[in-house]
């Protein structure tokens, strides 16, 4: 995910340079804008999915032996 974030930042910097007229490119600026939107949406969705997965995990007690004793896991 770090690579996607770095790619999104680099394409954003390229877009800013292209808007100021400092970069000559064979591709239109709309391609880089669409690519940047796609990369930022990927990062946003991945962060949301990770947060959702971490929120669903609950510590469950571990049963010990036959006496019905339980203990909570220590992480």
N, C-alpha and C. Protein backbone atom coordinates (compact mmCIF):
# COMPACT_ATOMS: atom_id res chain seq x y z
N UNK A 1 0.81 -1.17 0.00
CA UNK A 1 0.00 0.00 0.00
C UNK A 1 0.87 1.26 0.00
N UNK A 2 2.03 1.13 0.59
CA UNK A 2 2.96 2.26 0.61
C UNK A 2 3.36 2.66 -0.82
N UNK A 3 3.53 1.68 -1.68
CA UNK A 3 3.92 1.96 -3.07
C UNK A 3 2.81 2.72 -3.79
N UNK A 4 1.56 2.36 -3.53
CA UNK A 4 0.43 3.06 -4.15
C UNK A 4 0.37 4.50 -3.65
N UNK A 5 0.61 4.71 -2.36
CA UNK A 5 0.61 6.07 -1.82
C UNK A 5 1.72 6.91 -2.45
N UNK A 6 2.88 6.34 -2.58
CA UNK A 6 4.00 7.08 -3.20
C UNK A 6 3.68 7.38 -4.66
N UNK A 7 3.10 6.42 -5.37
CA UNK A 7 2.72 6.65 -6.77
C UNK A 7 1.67 7.74 -6.90
N UNK A 8 0.72 7.78 -5.97
CA UNK A 8 -0.32 8.82 -6.00
C UNK A 8 0.29 10.19 -5.76
N UNK A 9 1.21 10.27 -4.85
CA UNK A 9 1.86 11.57 -4.56
C UNK A 9 2.72 12.01 -5.74
N UNK A 10 3.44 11.07 -6.36
CA UNK A 10 4.27 11.43 -7.51
C UNK A 10 3.43 11.90 -8.70
N UNK A 11 2.32 11.22 -8.96
CA UNK A 11 1.47 11.66 -10.06
C UNK A 11 0.82 13.02 -9.75
N UNK A 12 0.51 13.26 -8.47
CA UNK A 12 -0.04 14.56 -8.10
C UNK A 12 0.99 15.67 -8.34
N UNK A 13 2.24 15.40 -8.00
CA UNK A 13 3.30 16.39 -8.26
C UNK A 13 3.50 16.60 -9.76
N UNK A 14 3.37 15.53 -10.54
CA UNK A 14 3.49 15.67 -12.00
C UNK A 14 2.35 16.51 -12.56
N UNK A 15 1.14 16.32 -12.02
CA UNK A 15 0.00 17.11 -12.47
C UNK A 15 0.21 18.60 -12.16
N UNK A 16 0.72 18.88 -10.97
CA UNK A 16 0.97 20.28 -10.60
C UNK A 16 2.02 20.89 -11.53
N UNK A 17 3.06 20.15 -11.83
CA UNK A 17 4.08 20.66 -12.76
C UNK A 17 3.51 20.85 -14.16
N UNK A 18 2.64 19.95 -14.60
CA UNK A 18 2.06 20.06 -15.93
C UNK A 18 1.11 21.26 -16.02
N UNK A 19 0.40 21.54 -14.94
CA UNK A 19 -0.50 22.69 -14.94
C UNK A 19 0.30 23.99 -15.04
N UNK A 20 1.44 24.04 -14.40
CA UNK A 20 2.28 25.23 -14.47
C UNK A 20 3.06 25.32 -15.77
N UNK A 21 3.00 24.28 -16.60
CA UNK A 21 3.65 24.31 -17.90
C UNK A 21 5.12 23.96 -17.87
N UNK A 22 5.58 23.29 -16.82
CA UNK A 22 7.00 22.96 -16.71
C UNK A 22 7.36 21.60 -17.31
N UNK A 23 6.35 20.80 -17.68
CA UNK A 23 6.60 19.44 -18.16
C UNK A 23 5.96 19.25 -19.52
N UNK A 24 6.73 18.67 -20.44
CA UNK A 24 6.18 18.29 -21.73
C UNK A 24 5.97 16.78 -21.72
N UNK A 25 4.75 16.37 -22.02
CA UNK A 25 4.42 14.96 -21.97
C UNK A 25 3.70 14.56 -23.24
N UNK A 26 3.83 13.28 -23.61
CA UNK A 26 3.14 12.76 -24.78
C UNK A 26 1.69 12.40 -24.44
N UNK A 27 1.39 12.26 -23.15
CA UNK A 27 0.04 11.90 -22.71
C UNK A 27 -0.71 13.14 -22.26
N UNK A 28 -2.01 13.16 -22.45
CA UNK A 28 -2.79 14.32 -21.98
C UNK A 28 -2.86 14.37 -20.46
N UNK A 29 -3.08 15.55 -19.94
CA UNK A 29 -3.14 15.75 -18.49
C UNK A 29 -4.33 15.01 -17.88
N UNK A 30 -5.39 14.82 -18.65
CA UNK A 30 -6.57 14.12 -18.13
C UNK A 30 -6.24 12.67 -17.77
N UNK A 31 -5.30 12.07 -18.48
CA UNK A 31 -4.88 10.70 -18.14
C UNK A 31 -4.26 10.67 -16.74
N UNK A 32 -3.42 11.62 -16.45
CA UNK A 32 -2.76 11.65 -15.13
C UNK A 32 -3.75 12.01 -14.03
N UNK A 33 -4.73 12.84 -14.33
CA UNK A 33 -5.75 13.16 -13.33
C UNK A 33 -6.58 11.92 -13.02
N UNK A 34 -6.99 11.18 -14.05
CA UNK A 34 -7.76 9.95 -13.84
C UNK A 34 -6.93 8.92 -13.08
N UNK A 35 -5.66 8.81 -13.40
CA UNK A 35 -4.77 7.88 -12.70
C UNK A 35 -4.63 8.27 -11.24
N UNK A 36 -4.49 9.54 -10.97
CA UNK A 36 -4.34 10.01 -9.61
C UNK A 36 -5.62 9.77 -8.79
N UNK A 37 -6.77 10.01 -9.39
CA UNK A 37 -8.04 9.73 -8.70
C UNK A 37 -8.14 8.25 -8.38
N UNK A 38 -7.78 7.41 -9.35
CA UNK A 38 -7.84 5.95 -9.14
C UNK A 38 -6.91 5.52 -8.01
N UNK A 39 -5.71 6.05 -7.97
CA UNK A 39 -4.76 5.68 -6.92
C UNK A 39 -5.23 6.15 -5.55
N UNK A 40 -5.75 7.36 -5.45
CA UNK A 40 -6.22 7.85 -4.16
C UNK A 40 -7.45 7.08 -3.68
N UNK A 41 -8.34 6.68 -4.60
CA UNK A 41 -9.48 5.86 -4.20
C UNK A 41 -9.03 4.48 -3.73
N UNK A 42 -7.98 3.95 -4.34
CA UNK A 42 -7.43 2.66 -3.90
C UNK A 42 -6.89 2.76 -2.48
N UNK A 43 -6.16 3.82 -2.20
CA UNK A 43 -5.63 4.02 -0.85
C UNK A 43 -6.76 4.20 0.16
N UNK A 44 -7.77 4.99 -0.21
CA UNK A 44 -8.89 5.22 0.69
C UNK A 44 -9.65 3.93 0.98
N UNK A 45 -9.93 3.14 -0.05
CA UNK A 45 -10.65 1.88 0.14
C UNK A 45 -9.82 0.90 0.96
N UNK A 46 -8.52 0.83 0.72
CA UNK A 46 -7.67 -0.10 1.47
C UNK A 46 -7.62 0.27 2.95
N UNK A 47 -7.52 1.56 3.25
CA UNK A 47 -7.52 1.99 4.65
C UNK A 47 -8.86 1.69 5.31
N UNK A 48 -9.95 1.90 4.59
CA UNK A 48 -11.27 1.60 5.14
C UNK A 48 -11.43 0.11 5.39
N UNK A 49 -10.99 -0.72 4.46
CA UNK A 49 -11.10 -2.17 4.61
C UNK A 49 -10.25 -2.67 5.78
N UNK A 50 -9.07 -2.11 5.96
CA UNK A 50 -8.21 -2.49 7.08
C UNK A 50 -8.85 -2.10 8.41
N UNK A 51 -9.39 -0.90 8.47
CA UNK A 51 -10.04 -0.46 9.71
C UNK A 51 -11.26 -1.31 10.03
N UNK A 52 -12.02 -1.68 9.01
CA UNK A 52 -13.19 -2.52 9.22
C UNK A 52 -12.79 -3.91 9.70
N UNK A 53 -11.73 -4.47 9.13
CA UNK A 53 -11.26 -5.80 9.55
C UNK A 53 -10.73 -5.76 10.98
N UNK A 54 -10.04 -4.70 11.35
CA UNK A 54 -9.52 -4.61 12.72
C UNK A 54 -10.64 -4.39 13.72
N UNK A 55 -11.71 -3.73 13.32
CA UNK A 55 -12.82 -3.48 14.23
C UNK A 55 -13.63 -4.75 14.49
N UNK A 56 -13.62 -5.67 13.55
CA UNK A 56 -14.41 -6.89 13.70
C UNK A 56 -13.73 -7.92 14.58
N UNK A 57 -12.45 -7.80 14.79
CA UNK A 57 -11.72 -8.78 15.60
C UNK A 57 -11.98 -8.48 17.07
N UNK A 58 -12.45 -9.49 17.79
CA UNK A 58 -12.69 -9.35 19.23
C UNK A 58 -11.91 -10.43 19.95
N UNK A 59 -11.32 -10.09 21.06
CA UNK A 59 -10.63 -11.14 21.82
C UNK A 59 -11.64 -12.12 22.41
N UNK A 60 -11.38 -13.39 22.24
CA UNK A 60 -12.27 -14.42 22.75
C UNK A 60 -11.55 -15.19 23.85
N UNK A 61 -12.28 -15.60 24.87
CA UNK A 61 -11.62 -16.34 25.97
C UNK A 61 -11.19 -17.73 25.51
N UNK A 62 -10.11 -18.20 26.11
CA UNK A 62 -9.58 -19.53 25.82
C UNK A 62 -9.97 -20.45 26.97
N UNK A 63 -10.59 -21.59 26.65
CA UNK A 63 -10.99 -22.53 27.69
C UNK A 63 -9.79 -23.37 28.10
N UNK A 64 -9.61 -23.49 29.40
CA UNK A 64 -8.49 -24.25 29.95
C UNK A 64 -9.03 -25.50 30.65
N UNK A 65 -8.59 -26.65 30.21
CA UNK A 65 -8.92 -27.90 30.89
C UNK A 65 -10.40 -28.20 30.96
N UNK A 66 -10.78 -29.06 31.91
CA UNK A 66 -12.16 -29.47 32.02
C UNK A 66 -12.91 -28.79 33.13
N UNK A 67 -12.30 -27.88 33.86
CA UNK A 67 -12.94 -27.25 35.00
C UNK A 67 -13.77 -26.02 34.61
N UNK A 68 -13.78 -25.69 33.36
CA UNK A 68 -14.54 -24.52 32.94
C UNK A 68 -13.81 -23.22 33.17
N UNK A 69 -12.51 -23.30 33.44
CA UNK A 69 -11.74 -22.07 33.65
C UNK A 69 -11.44 -21.43 32.29
N UNK A 70 -11.49 -20.14 32.26
CA UNK A 70 -11.16 -19.44 31.03
C UNK A 70 -10.15 -18.35 31.35
N UNK A 71 -9.41 -17.97 30.35
CA UNK A 71 -8.48 -16.84 30.48
C UNK A 71 -8.55 -16.04 29.19
N UNK A 72 -8.25 -14.78 29.27
CA UNK A 72 -8.26 -13.92 28.08
C UNK A 72 -6.87 -13.91 27.47
N UNK A 73 -6.79 -13.97 26.13
CA UNK A 73 -5.48 -13.96 25.49
C UNK A 73 -4.78 -12.62 25.68
N UNK A 74 -3.48 -12.66 25.82
CA UNK A 74 -2.67 -11.44 25.96
C UNK A 74 -1.91 -11.26 24.66
N UNK A 75 -2.05 -10.08 24.08
CA UNK A 75 -1.40 -9.82 22.80
C UNK A 75 -0.18 -8.98 22.99
